[in-house]
Amino acid sequence: MTALVNHPQRQSLRLQLRENLLLRDLKPEQWAALEPLLAIGEYRKGEPLVRQGDEEMEQFFILEGMVKRVVSNPEGHEMILRFAAEREMDTSYAAWRLRTPIPYSIVAVTKVKVAELPMPQWVDFLERYPDVKARFEFEVMKLMSEVMAHTITLHLLDAPGRLARFHRKHPELAGRIPKKELAAYLNLTPETLSRLSQRLGRS
């Protein structure tokens, strides 16, 4: 990883950061405080940014590519909880506040570039700027609500309903997620997903 302030592409990376949905309303003095804390990380497809059970926690702002939040059991069965792409973020903030290990992994779905910082530094930054903290905690609650709604969907909707809901809720991601990953997210086989997609006229 390279510190943002020392990165050879720091000017373009700063512009990408300013498009982040959480950070775009930061004031100049808040940017001045945050940018020296950020490092730029690049991850290969399939590489974990954090692993389930980790106790060292990070805050991520996605600059390029897509990540997934995934949980697995000792037998290796996985469940994808959510996807996030450019302009979004992922975090282990709730685990930090609860003083528990991270209950999920964050894994690169594609090649990914992120701006990241250790959770203790991010929390310290938030404590200095209550307006940013309030926006951030609201976003964390929205993420948790999204994950809960997805879990409920898997139990209550049939396969066509799950796919239709995904396209309705996440049109910006629909064409970007590899079919194998999307099938796992919707708890479908890839064959079932292909059949339903053809029936619904989806690519």
N, C-alpha and C. Protein backbone atom coordinates (compact mmCIF):
# COMPACT_ATOMS: atom_id res chain seq x y z
N MET A 1 0.84 -1.19 0.00
CA MET A 1 0.00 0.00 0.00
C MET A 1 0.88 1.25 0.00
N THR A 2 0.35 2.30 -0.58
CA THR A 2 1.05 3.58 -0.64
C THR A 2 0.17 4.66 -0.02
N ALA A 3 0.75 5.49 0.82
CA ALA A 3 -0.01 6.60 1.39
C ALA A 3 -0.55 7.48 0.27
N LEU A 4 -1.79 7.92 0.42
CA LEU A 4 -2.40 8.75 -0.61
C LEU A 4 -1.54 9.98 -0.91
N VAL A 5 -1.02 10.61 0.13
CA VAL A 5 -0.28 11.86 -0.08
C VAL A 5 1.03 11.63 -0.85
N ASN A 6 1.52 10.39 -0.89
CA ASN A 6 2.75 10.07 -1.62
C ASN A 6 2.50 9.33 -2.92
N HIS A 7 1.23 9.06 -3.24
CA HIS A 7 0.91 8.24 -4.40
C HIS A 7 1.14 9.02 -5.69
N PRO A 8 1.76 8.41 -6.71
CA PRO A 8 2.00 9.15 -7.96
C PRO A 8 0.72 9.60 -8.66
N GLN A 9 -0.41 8.95 -8.38
CA GLN A 9 -1.69 9.33 -8.98
C GLN A 9 -2.58 10.06 -7.97
N ARG A 10 -1.98 10.70 -6.99
CA ARG A 10 -2.78 11.26 -5.89
C ARG A 10 -3.83 12.27 -6.35
N GLN A 11 -3.53 13.03 -7.41
CA GLN A 11 -4.51 14.04 -7.82
C GLN A 11 -5.78 13.39 -8.36
N SER A 12 -5.63 12.38 -9.22
CA SER A 12 -6.83 11.71 -9.75
C SER A 12 -7.52 10.89 -8.66
N LEU A 13 -6.76 10.32 -7.74
CA LEU A 13 -7.37 9.57 -6.63
C LEU A 13 -8.17 10.49 -5.73
N ARG A 14 -7.67 11.69 -5.52
CA ARG A 14 -8.43 12.66 -4.71
C ARG A 14 -9.76 12.99 -5.37
N LEU A 15 -9.75 13.13 -6.69
CA LEU A 15 -11.00 13.41 -7.40
C LEU A 15 -11.97 12.25 -7.25
N GLN A 16 -11.47 11.01 -7.33
CA GLN A 16 -12.35 9.85 -7.13
C GLN A 16 -12.91 9.83 -5.71
N LEU A 17 -12.09 10.15 -4.74
CA LEU A 17 -12.56 10.17 -3.35
C LEU A 17 -13.67 11.20 -3.16
N ARG A 18 -13.58 12.31 -3.85
CA ARG A 18 -14.58 13.36 -3.69
C ARG A 18 -15.92 12.99 -4.31
N GLU A 19 -15.96 11.88 -5.05
CA GLU A 19 -17.23 11.37 -5.56
C GLU A 19 -17.85 10.34 -4.63
N ASN A 20 -17.14 9.96 -3.57
CA ASN A 20 -17.67 8.97 -2.64
C ASN A 20 -18.93 9.51 -1.97
N LEU A 21 -19.95 8.67 -1.87
CA LEU A 21 -21.24 9.12 -1.36
C LEU A 21 -21.16 9.62 0.08
N LEU A 22 -20.25 9.06 0.87
CA LEU A 22 -20.11 9.50 2.25
C LEU A 22 -19.21 10.73 2.36
N LEU A 23 -18.15 10.79 1.56
CA LEU A 23 -17.14 11.82 1.74
C LEU A 23 -17.38 13.10 0.93
N ARG A 24 -18.28 13.06 -0.03
CA ARG A 24 -18.38 14.18 -0.96
C ARG A 24 -18.77 15.50 -0.30
N ASP A 25 -19.38 15.46 0.89
CA ASP A 25 -19.79 16.69 1.56
C ASP A 25 -18.80 17.15 2.63
N LEU A 26 -17.61 16.55 2.68
CA LEU A 26 -16.63 16.98 3.66
C LEU A 26 -16.21 18.42 3.40
N LYS A 27 -15.93 19.13 4.47
CA LYS A 27 -15.44 20.50 4.37
C LYS A 27 -13.92 20.47 4.14
N PRO A 28 -13.36 21.57 3.63
CA PRO A 28 -11.92 21.58 3.33
C PRO A 28 -11.05 21.17 4.51
N GLU A 29 -11.38 21.64 5.71
CA GLU A 29 -10.55 21.27 6.86
C GLU A 29 -10.68 19.78 7.21
N GLN A 30 -11.85 19.20 6.89
CA GLN A 30 -12.04 17.76 7.13
C GLN A 30 -11.24 16.94 6.13
N TRP A 31 -11.22 17.38 4.86
CA TRP A 31 -10.37 16.71 3.87
C TRP A 31 -8.91 16.79 4.30
N ALA A 32 -8.50 17.96 4.78
CA ALA A 32 -7.10 18.15 5.19
C ALA A 32 -6.72 17.22 6.33
N ALA A 33 -7.69 16.91 7.20
CA ALA A 33 -7.43 16.01 8.32
C ALA A 33 -7.46 14.55 7.89
N LEU A 34 -8.32 14.21 6.92
CA LEU A 34 -8.51 12.81 6.53
C LEU A 34 -7.43 12.31 5.57
N GLU A 35 -7.09 13.10 4.57
CA GLU A 35 -6.22 12.59 3.50
C GLU A 35 -4.88 12.05 3.99
N PRO A 36 -4.21 12.67 4.97
CA PRO A 36 -2.93 12.09 5.44
C PRO A 36 -3.08 10.72 6.10
N LEU A 37 -4.31 10.35 6.48
CA LEU A 37 -4.53 9.06 7.14
C LEU A 37 -4.75 7.92 6.14
N LEU A 38 -5.03 8.26 4.89
CA LEU A 38 -5.47 7.26 3.90
C LEU A 38 -4.30 6.62 3.18
N ALA A 39 -4.42 5.33 2.95
CA ALA A 39 -3.49 4.58 2.11
C ALA A 39 -4.28 3.99 0.94
N ILE A 40 -3.62 3.80 -0.18
CA ILE A 40 -4.25 3.24 -1.37
C ILE A 40 -3.85 1.77 -1.46
N GLY A 41 -4.86 0.91 -1.45
CA GLY A 41 -4.64 -0.52 -1.55
C GLY A 41 -5.21 -1.06 -2.85
N GLU A 42 -4.51 -2.01 -3.45
CA GLU A 42 -4.99 -2.67 -4.67
C GLU A 42 -5.06 -4.17 -4.40
N TYR A 43 -6.17 -4.79 -4.80
CA TYR A 43 -6.43 -6.20 -4.50
C TYR A 43 -6.82 -6.93 -5.77
N ARG A 44 -6.31 -8.14 -5.91
CA ARG A 44 -6.65 -8.98 -7.06
C ARG A 44 -8.05 -9.59 -6.86
N LYS A 45 -8.66 -9.99 -7.97
CA LYS A 45 -9.94 -10.69 -7.93
C LYS A 45 -9.83 -11.90 -7.00
N GLY A 46 -10.76 -12.01 -6.05
CA GLY A 46 -10.77 -13.12 -5.12
C GLY A 46 -9.95 -12.90 -3.85
N GLU A 47 -9.21 -11.81 -3.79
CA GLU A 47 -8.35 -11.55 -2.63
C GLU A 47 -9.16 -10.90 -1.51
N PRO A 48 -9.00 -11.36 -0.26
CA PRO A 48 -9.73 -10.73 0.85
C PRO A 48 -9.09 -9.41 1.27
N LEU A 49 -9.94 -8.42 1.52
CA LEU A 49 -9.47 -7.17 2.12
C LEU A 49 -9.38 -7.34 3.63
N VAL A 50 -10.38 -8.01 4.21
CA VAL A 50 -10.33 -8.47 5.60
C VAL A 50 -10.94 -9.86 5.65
N ARG A 51 -10.57 -10.62 6.65
CA ARG A 51 -11.07 -11.99 6.79
C ARG A 51 -12.01 -12.11 7.98
N GLN A 52 -13.02 -12.95 7.83
CA GLN A 52 -13.92 -13.26 8.92
C GLN A 52 -13.11 -13.73 10.13
N GLY A 53 -13.37 -13.13 11.30
CA GLY A 53 -12.63 -13.49 12.50
C GLY A 53 -11.47 -12.58 12.82
N ASP A 54 -11.10 -11.70 11.85
CA ASP A 54 -10.01 -10.76 12.11
C ASP A 54 -10.36 -9.83 13.27
N GLU A 55 -9.35 -9.39 13.99
CA GLU A 55 -9.54 -8.40 15.04
C GLU A 55 -8.92 -7.06 14.68
N GLU A 56 -8.09 -7.03 13.64
CA GLU A 56 -7.58 -5.77 13.11
C GLU A 56 -8.55 -5.29 12.04
N MET A 57 -9.14 -4.12 12.26
CA MET A 57 -10.26 -3.68 11.43
C MET A 57 -9.89 -2.45 10.61
N GLU A 58 -10.57 -2.32 9.47
CA GLU A 58 -10.26 -1.26 8.52
C GLU A 58 -11.55 -0.60 8.04
N GLN A 59 -11.38 0.63 7.55
CA GLN A 59 -12.44 1.36 6.85
C GLN A 59 -12.01 1.48 5.39
N PHE A 60 -12.93 1.14 4.46
CA PHE A 60 -12.61 1.13 3.03
C PHE A 60 -13.52 2.08 2.25
N PHE A 61 -12.92 2.85 1.36
CA PHE A 61 -13.66 3.65 0.39
C PHE A 61 -13.28 3.13 -0.99
N ILE A 62 -14.26 2.63 -1.74
CA ILE A 62 -13.97 1.94 -2.99
C ILE A 62 -13.79 2.97 -4.11
N LEU A 63 -12.63 2.89 -4.76
CA LEU A 63 -12.31 3.80 -5.86
C LEU A 63 -12.55 3.15 -7.21
N GLU A 64 -12.21 1.88 -7.34
CA GLU A 64 -12.41 1.14 -8.60
C GLU A 64 -12.73 -0.31 -8.26
N GLY A 65 -13.67 -0.89 -9.03
CA GLY A 65 -13.98 -2.30 -8.86
C GLY A 65 -15.12 -2.55 -7.90
N MET A 66 -15.24 -3.81 -7.49
CA MET A 66 -16.37 -4.25 -6.67
C MET A 66 -15.91 -5.22 -5.61
N VAL A 67 -16.51 -5.12 -4.42
CA VAL A 67 -16.24 -6.06 -3.34
C VAL A 67 -17.55 -6.71 -2.90
N LYS A 68 -17.41 -7.82 -2.18
CA LYS A 68 -18.58 -8.48 -1.59
C LYS A 68 -18.30 -8.70 -0.11
N ARG A 69 -19.36 -8.69 0.66
CA ARG A 69 -19.31 -9.05 2.08
C ARG A 69 -19.85 -10.47 2.17
N VAL A 70 -19.08 -11.39 2.75
CA VAL A 70 -19.44 -12.80 2.70
C VAL A 70 -19.15 -13.46 4.05
N VAL A 71 -20.04 -14.39 4.45
CA VAL A 71 -19.82 -15.18 5.66
C VAL A 71 -19.69 -16.64 5.26
N SER A 72 -18.91 -17.39 6.03
CA SER A 72 -18.75 -18.82 5.74
C SER A 72 -18.78 -19.61 7.03
N ASN A 73 -19.20 -20.88 6.92
CA ASN A 73 -19.22 -21.75 8.10
C ASN A 73 -18.00 -22.67 8.06
N PRO A 74 -17.77 -23.44 9.12
CA PRO A 74 -16.56 -24.29 9.15
C PRO A 74 -16.49 -25.29 8.00
N GLU A 75 -17.63 -25.64 7.41
CA GLU A 75 -17.63 -26.58 6.28
C GLU A 75 -17.30 -25.89 4.96
N GLY A 76 -17.15 -24.58 4.99
CA GLY A 76 -16.80 -23.86 3.78
C GLY A 76 -17.96 -23.34 2.97
N HIS A 77 -19.19 -23.51 3.45
CA HIS A 77 -20.35 -22.96 2.74
C HIS A 77 -20.40 -21.45 2.95
N GLU A 78 -20.62 -20.72 1.86
CA GLU A 78 -20.58 -19.27 1.92
C GLU A 78 -21.95 -18.66 1.63
N MET A 79 -22.17 -17.48 2.20
CA MET A 79 -23.36 -16.69 1.91
C MET A 79 -22.90 -15.27 1.65
N ILE A 80 -23.26 -14.72 0.49
CA ILE A 80 -22.91 -13.35 0.15
C ILE A 80 -23.98 -12.42 0.72
N LEU A 81 -23.55 -11.43 1.49
CA LEU A 81 -24.48 -10.53 2.16
C LEU A 81 -24.76 -9.27 1.36
N ARG A 82 -23.76 -8.76 0.66
CA ARG A 82 -23.96 -7.54 -0.13
C ARG A 82 -22.79 -7.34 -1.08
N PHE A 83 -23.02 -6.50 -2.08
CA PHE A 83 -21.97 -6.04 -2.97
C PHE A 83 -21.82 -4.53 -2.80
N ALA A 84 -20.63 -4.03 -3.09
CA ALA A 84 -20.40 -2.58 -3.09
C ALA A 84 -19.39 -2.26 -4.18
N ALA A 85 -19.56 -1.11 -4.82
CA ALA A 85 -18.69 -0.73 -5.94
C ALA A 85 -18.26 0.73 -5.77
N GLU A 86 -17.75 1.30 -6.87
CA GLU A 86 -17.22 2.66 -6.82
C GLU A 86 -18.21 3.63 -6.17
N ARG A 87 -17.65 4.57 -5.43
CA ARG A 87 -18.38 5.63 -4.72
C ARG A 87 -19.02 5.13 -3.43
N GLU A 88 -18.91 3.81 -3.15
CA GLU A 88 -19.46 3.26 -1.92
C GLU A 88 -18.33 2.94 -0.95
N MET A 89 -18.71 2.39 0.21
CA MET A 89 -17.71 2.03 1.21
C MET A 89 -18.08 0.70 1.82
N ASP A 90 -17.11 0.10 2.51
CA ASP A 90 -17.42 -1.02 3.39
C ASP A 90 -16.58 -0.84 4.65
N THR A 91 -17.00 -1.53 5.71
CA THR A 91 -16.48 -1.19 7.02
C THR A 91 -16.65 -2.36 7.98
N SER A 92 -15.88 -2.33 9.05
CA SER A 92 -16.07 -3.26 10.16
C SER A 92 -16.40 -2.48 11.44
N TYR A 93 -17.04 -1.33 11.25
CA TYR A 93 -17.30 -0.40 12.36
C TYR A 93 -18.17 -1.02 13.44
N ALA A 94 -19.22 -1.75 13.06
CA ALA A 94 -20.11 -2.33 14.07
C ALA A 94 -19.35 -3.31 14.96
N ALA A 95 -18.51 -4.14 14.36
CA ALA A 95 -17.71 -5.08 15.15
C ALA A 95 -16.75 -4.33 16.08
N TRP A 96 -16.19 -3.23 15.58
CA TRP A 96 -15.31 -2.42 16.42
C TRP A 96 -16.05 -1.90 17.64
N ARG A 97 -17.25 -1.37 17.42
CA ARG A 97 -18.03 -0.83 18.53
C ARG A 97 -18.46 -1.92 19.51
N LEU A 98 -18.76 -3.10 18.99
CA LEU A 98 -19.19 -4.21 19.84
C LEU A 98 -18.01 -4.97 20.45
N ARG A 99 -16.80 -4.61 20.04
CA ARG A 99 -15.57 -5.26 20.53
C ARG A 99 -15.59 -6.77 20.25
N THR A 100 -16.00 -7.12 19.05
CA THR A 100 -16.02 -8.52 18.61
C THR A 100 -15.19 -8.66 17.34
N PRO A 101 -14.72 -9.86 17.02
CA PRO A 101 -14.05 -10.06 15.73
C PRO A 101 -15.00 -9.76 14.57
N ILE A 102 -14.43 -9.48 13.42
CA ILE A 102 -15.25 -9.19 12.24
C ILE A 102 -16.07 -10.44 11.87
N PRO A 103 -17.41 -10.32 11.76
CA PRO A 103 -18.23 -11.51 11.51
C PRO A 103 -18.34 -11.90 10.05
N TYR A 104 -17.62 -11.23 9.15
CA TYR A 104 -17.69 -11.53 7.72
C TYR A 104 -16.35 -11.18 7.09
N SER A 105 -16.12 -11.68 5.90
CA SER A 105 -14.97 -11.27 5.09
C SER A 105 -15.43 -10.23 4.07
N ILE A 106 -14.51 -9.36 3.67
CA ILE A 106 -14.73 -8.46 2.55
C ILE A 106 -13.74 -8.89 1.47
N VAL A 107 -14.27 -9.27 0.30
CA VAL A 107 -13.47 -9.93 -0.73
C VAL A 107 -13.63 -9.20 -2.05
N ALA A 108 -12.55 -9.08 -2.81
CA ALA A 108 -12.60 -8.44 -4.12
C ALA A 108 -13.33 -9.34 -5.12
N VAL A 109 -14.39 -8.83 -5.73
CA VAL A 109 -15.12 -9.55 -6.78
C VAL A 109 -14.39 -9.37 -8.12
N THR A 110 -13.85 -8.19 -8.31
CA THR A 110 -13.04 -7.85 -9.48
C THR A 110 -11.71 -7.31 -8.95
N LYS A 111 -10.84 -6.90 -9.83
CA LYS A 111 -9.68 -6.14 -9.37
C LYS A 111 -10.19 -4.87 -8.70
N VAL A 112 -9.64 -4.54 -7.54
CA VAL A 112 -10.20 -3.47 -6.72
C VAL A 112 -9.10 -2.50 -6.28
N LYS A 113 -9.43 -1.23 -6.29
CA LYS A 113 -8.58 -0.21 -5.69
C LYS A 113 -9.40 0.53 -4.64
N VAL A 114 -8.85 0.68 -3.45
CA VAL A 114 -9.55 1.33 -2.35
C VAL A 114 -8.64 2.34 -1.66
N ALA A 115 -9.26 3.31 -1.01
CA ALA A 115 -8.59 4.13 -0.01
C ALA A 115 -8.99 3.57 1.34
N GLU A 116 -8.02 3.32 2.20
CA GLU A 116 -8.33 2.66 3.46
C GLU A 116 -7.54 3.26 4.60
N LEU A 117 -8.03 3.02 5.81
CA LEU A 117 -7.31 3.42 7.01
C LEU A 117 -7.74 2.53 8.17
N PRO A 118 -6.86 2.35 9.15
CA PRO A 118 -7.21 1.50 10.30
C PRO A 118 -8.40 2.08 11.06
N MET A 119 -9.24 1.19 11.59
CA MET A 119 -10.44 1.62 12.28
C MET A 119 -10.15 2.58 13.44
N PRO A 120 -9.09 2.38 14.26
CA PRO A 120 -8.85 3.35 15.34
C PRO A 120 -8.66 4.78 14.82
N GLN A 121 -7.98 4.93 13.69
CA GLN A 121 -7.78 6.27 13.13
C GLN A 121 -9.08 6.84 12.58
N TRP A 122 -9.89 5.99 11.95
CA TRP A 122 -11.18 6.44 11.41
C TRP A 122 -12.10 6.87 12.55
N VAL A 123 -12.15 6.09 13.62
CA VAL A 123 -13.00 6.43 14.76
C VAL A 123 -12.54 7.74 15.39
N ASP A 124 -11.23 7.92 15.51
CA ASP A 124 -10.70 9.17 16.06
C ASP A 124 -11.11 10.36 15.18
N PHE A 125 -11.04 10.18 13.86
CA PHE A 125 -11.48 11.23 12.94
C PHE A 125 -12.96 11.55 13.15
N LEU A 126 -13.78 10.50 13.26
CA LEU A 126 -15.22 10.72 13.45
C LEU A 126 -15.51 11.47 14.74
N GLU A 127 -14.77 11.16 15.80
CA GLU A 127 -15.02 11.83 17.07
C GLU A 127 -14.71 13.33 16.98
N ARG A 128 -13.84 13.69 16.08
CA ARG A 128 -13.48 15.11 15.93
C ARG A 128 -14.51 15.86 15.10
N TYR A 129 -15.29 15.13 14.29
CA TYR A 129 -16.24 15.77 13.38
C TYR A 129 -17.62 15.11 13.53
N PRO A 130 -18.42 15.56 14.49
CA PRO A 130 -19.71 14.91 14.77
C PRO A 130 -20.66 14.86 13.57
N ASP A 131 -20.58 15.85 12.67
CA ASP A 131 -21.47 15.83 11.51
C ASP A 131 -21.13 14.65 10.58
N VAL A 132 -19.84 14.39 10.40
CA VAL A 132 -19.43 13.25 9.58
C VAL A 132 -19.80 11.94 10.29
N LYS A 133 -19.60 11.90 11.60
CA LYS A 133 -19.95 10.70 12.36
C LYS A 133 -21.43 10.37 12.22
N ALA A 134 -22.28 11.39 12.29
CA ALA A 134 -23.73 11.16 12.19
C ALA A 134 -24.08 10.60 10.81
N ARG A 135 -23.50 11.15 9.75
CA ARG A 135 -23.77 10.65 8.39
C ARG A 135 -23.26 9.23 8.23
N PHE A 136 -22.06 8.99 8.76
CA PHE A 136 -21.47 7.66 8.64
C PHE A 136 -22.30 6.61 9.38
N GLU A 137 -22.69 6.90 10.61
CA GLU A 137 -23.46 5.92 11.37
C GLU A 137 -24.82 5.67 10.74
N PHE A 138 -25.40 6.68 10.09
CA PHE A 138 -26.64 6.47 9.35
C PHE A 138 -26.41 5.51 8.18
N GLU A 139 -25.27 5.68 7.48
CA GLU A 139 -24.95 4.78 6.37
C GLU A 139 -24.73 3.36 6.87
N VAL A 140 -24.07 3.22 8.02
CA VAL A 140 -23.86 1.88 8.59
C VAL A 140 -25.21 1.22 8.90
N MET A 141 -26.13 1.99 9.46
CA MET A 141 -27.46 1.43 9.74
C MET A 141 -28.17 1.03 8.45
N LYS A 142 -28.01 1.81 7.39
CA LYS A 142 -28.61 1.45 6.11
C LYS A 142 -28.00 0.15 5.57
N LEU A 143 -26.68 -0.02 5.72
CA LEU A 143 -26.04 -1.25 5.27
C LEU A 143 -26.57 -2.45 6.03
N MET A 144 -26.70 -2.31 7.35
CA MET A 144 -27.19 -3.41 8.17
C MET A 144 -28.64 -3.74 7.80
N SER A 145 -29.44 -2.70 7.53
CA SER A 145 -30.83 -2.92 7.12
C SER A 145 -30.89 -3.61 5.76
N GLU A 146 -29.99 -3.23 4.86
CA GLU A 146 -29.92 -3.85 3.53
C GLU A 146 -29.60 -5.34 3.64
N VAL A 147 -28.63 -5.67 4.49
CA VAL A 147 -28.26 -7.07 4.67
C VAL A 147 -29.43 -7.86 5.26
N MET A 148 -30.11 -7.27 6.23
CA MET A 148 -31.25 -7.97 6.85
C MET A 148 -32.37 -8.17 5.83
N ALA A 149 -32.64 -7.15 5.02
CA ALA A 149 -33.70 -7.27 4.01
C ALA A 149 -33.34 -8.35 3.00
N HIS A 150 -32.07 -8.43 2.61
CA HIS A 150 -31.65 -9.47 1.67
C HIS A 150 -31.84 -10.86 2.27
N THR A 151 -31.47 -11.03 3.53
CA THR A 151 -31.62 -12.33 4.19
C THR A 151 -33.08 -12.74 4.25
N ILE A 152 -33.95 -11.79 4.56
CA ILE A 152 -35.39 -12.09 4.61
C ILE A 152 -35.89 -12.46 3.22
N THR A 153 -35.40 -11.74 2.20
CA THR A 153 -35.81 -12.01 0.82
C THR A 153 -35.52 -13.46 0.43
N LEU A 154 -34.36 -13.98 0.85
CA LEU A 154 -34.00 -15.35 0.50
C LEU A 154 -35.00 -16.36 1.04
N HIS A 155 -35.66 -16.02 2.15
CA HIS A 155 -36.62 -16.93 2.77
C HIS A 155 -38.04 -16.73 2.25
N LEU A 156 -38.38 -15.51 1.89
CA LEU A 156 -39.78 -15.22 1.60
C LEU A 156 -40.13 -15.19 0.11
N LEU A 157 -39.15 -14.91 -0.76
CA LEU A 157 -39.46 -14.80 -2.18
C LEU A 157 -38.98 -16.04 -2.94
N ASP A 158 -39.72 -16.38 -4.00
CA ASP A 158 -39.28 -17.48 -4.85
C ASP A 158 -38.14 -16.98 -5.75
N ALA A 159 -37.59 -17.87 -6.55
CA ALA A 159 -36.42 -17.53 -7.35
C ALA A 159 -36.67 -16.35 -8.30
N PRO A 160 -37.78 -16.35 -9.07
CA PRO A 160 -38.02 -15.18 -9.94
C PRO A 160 -38.17 -13.89 -9.15
N GLY A 161 -38.81 -13.98 -7.99
CA GLY A 161 -38.99 -12.80 -7.16
C GLY A 161 -37.66 -12.25 -6.64
N ARG A 162 -36.74 -13.15 -6.28
CA ARG A 162 -35.43 -12.71 -5.80
C ARG A 162 -34.67 -11.98 -6.90
N LEU A 163 -34.69 -12.54 -8.11
CA LEU A 163 -33.98 -11.91 -9.22
C LEU A 163 -34.61 -10.57 -9.58
N ALA A 164 -35.93 -10.52 -9.63
CA ALA A 164 -36.61 -9.27 -9.96
C ALA A 164 -36.33 -8.20 -8.92
N ARG A 165 -36.30 -8.59 -7.66
CA ARG A 165 -36.02 -7.61 -6.60
C ARG A 165 -34.60 -7.08 -6.74
N PHE A 166 -33.66 -7.96 -7.06
CA PHE A 166 -32.28 -7.51 -7.22
C PHE A 166 -32.18 -6.46 -8.33
N HIS A 167 -32.79 -6.72 -9.47
CA HIS A 167 -32.72 -5.77 -10.58
C HIS A 167 -33.41 -4.46 -10.23
N ARG A 168 -34.44 -4.53 -9.41
CA ARG A 168 -35.15 -3.32 -9.00
C ARG A 168 -34.33 -2.50 -8.01
N LYS A 169 -33.67 -3.19 -7.08
CA LYS A 169 -32.93 -2.51 -6.02
C LYS A 169 -31.53 -2.10 -6.44
N HIS A 170 -30.91 -2.85 -7.35
CA HIS A 170 -29.50 -2.61 -7.68
C HIS A 170 -29.28 -2.58 -9.19
N PRO A 171 -29.98 -1.73 -9.92
CA PRO A 171 -29.81 -1.72 -11.38
C PRO A 171 -28.38 -1.36 -11.80
N GLU A 172 -27.68 -0.58 -10.95
CA GLU A 172 -26.32 -0.16 -11.30
C GLU A 172 -25.31 -1.30 -11.24
N LEU A 173 -25.67 -2.39 -10.51
CA LEU A 173 -24.76 -3.52 -10.37
C LEU A 173 -25.15 -4.70 -11.25
N ALA A 174 -26.38 -4.69 -11.74
CA ALA A 174 -26.95 -5.89 -12.36
C ALA A 174 -26.09 -6.46 -13.49
N GLY A 175 -25.53 -5.61 -14.34
CA GLY A 175 -24.76 -6.12 -15.46
C GLY A 175 -23.28 -6.34 -15.16
N ARG A 176 -22.86 -6.05 -13.94
CA ARG A 176 -21.43 -6.08 -13.62
C ARG A 176 -21.01 -7.29 -12.79
N ILE A 177 -21.95 -7.89 -12.07
CA ILE A 177 -21.59 -8.98 -11.18
C ILE A 177 -21.47 -10.28 -11.97
N PRO A 178 -20.37 -11.00 -11.85
CA PRO A 178 -20.26 -12.30 -12.52
C PRO A 178 -21.44 -13.20 -12.17
N LYS A 179 -21.92 -13.94 -13.16
CA LYS A 179 -23.13 -14.74 -12.96
C LYS A 179 -22.99 -15.72 -11.80
N LYS A 180 -21.81 -16.30 -11.64
CA LYS A 180 -21.61 -17.24 -10.53
C LYS A 180 -21.80 -16.54 -9.19
N GLU A 181 -21.29 -15.31 -9.07
CA GLU A 181 -21.41 -14.55 -7.83
C GLU A 181 -22.86 -14.14 -7.59
N LEU A 182 -23.54 -13.69 -8.64
CA LEU A 182 -24.93 -13.28 -8.49
C LEU A 182 -25.80 -14.47 -8.12
N ALA A 183 -25.55 -15.63 -8.74
CA ALA A 183 -26.31 -16.83 -8.40
C ALA A 183 -26.14 -17.17 -6.92
N ALA A 184 -24.90 -17.09 -6.42
CA ALA A 184 -24.66 -17.39 -5.00
C ALA A 184 -25.38 -16.40 -4.11
N TYR A 185 -25.35 -15.13 -4.48
CA TYR A 185 -26.03 -14.08 -3.70
C TYR A 185 -27.52 -14.34 -3.59
N LEU A 186 -28.12 -14.83 -4.70
CA LEU A 186 -29.56 -15.07 -4.74
C LEU A 186 -29.94 -16.48 -4.32
N ASN A 187 -28.93 -17.27 -3.91
CA ASN A 187 -29.14 -18.66 -3.50
C ASN A 187 -29.78 -19.47 -4.63
N LEU A 188 -29.22 -19.32 -5.84
CA LEU A 188 -29.66 -20.04 -7.01
C LEU A 188 -28.46 -20.79 -7.60
N THR A 189 -28.75 -21.81 -8.40
CA THR A 189 -27.68 -22.41 -9.19
C THR A 189 -27.43 -21.49 -10.39
N PRO A 190 -26.21 -21.49 -10.95
CA PRO A 190 -25.97 -20.69 -12.16
C PRO A 190 -26.91 -21.05 -13.30
N GLU A 191 -27.29 -22.31 -13.40
CA GLU A 191 -28.21 -22.73 -14.46
C GLU A 191 -29.59 -22.12 -14.28
N THR A 192 -30.06 -22.11 -13.03
CA THR A 192 -31.37 -21.50 -12.75
C THR A 192 -31.34 -20.01 -13.04
N LEU A 193 -30.25 -19.35 -12.65
CA LEU A 193 -30.13 -17.92 -12.91
C LEU A 193 -30.15 -17.64 -14.41
N SER A 194 -29.42 -18.43 -15.20
CA SER A 194 -29.40 -18.23 -16.65
C SER A 194 -30.80 -18.41 -17.24
N ARG A 195 -31.50 -19.44 -16.78
CA ARG A 195 -32.85 -19.69 -17.30
C ARG A 195 -33.80 -18.54 -16.95
N LEU A 196 -33.73 -18.08 -15.70
CA LEU A 196 -34.60 -16.98 -15.29
C LEU A 196 -34.24 -15.69 -16.02
N SER A 197 -32.94 -15.45 -16.21
CA SER A 197 -32.51 -14.24 -16.90
C SER A 197 -33.01 -14.22 -18.35
N GLN A 198 -32.95 -15.37 -19.00
CA GLN A 198 -33.47 -15.44 -20.37
C GLN A 198 -34.97 -15.20 -20.41
N ARG A 199 -35.67 -15.75 -19.42
CA ARG A 199 -37.13 -15.58 -19.36
C ARG A 199 -37.49 -14.12 -19.12
N LEU A 200 -36.67 -13.43 -18.30
CA LEU A 200 -36.96 -12.03 -17.99
C LEU A 200 -36.32 -11.07 -18.97
N GLY A 201 -35.60 -11.62 -19.95
CA GLY A 201 -34.96 -10.76 -20.93
C GLY A 201 -33.75 -10.05 -20.42
N ARG A 202 -33.09 -10.63 -19.40
CA ARG A 202 -31.89 -10.01 -18.83
C ARG A 202 -30.65 -10.65 -19.46
N SER A 203 -29.61 -9.87 -19.55
CA SER A 203 -28.35 -10.41 -20.06
C SER A 203 -27.58 -11.07 -18.94
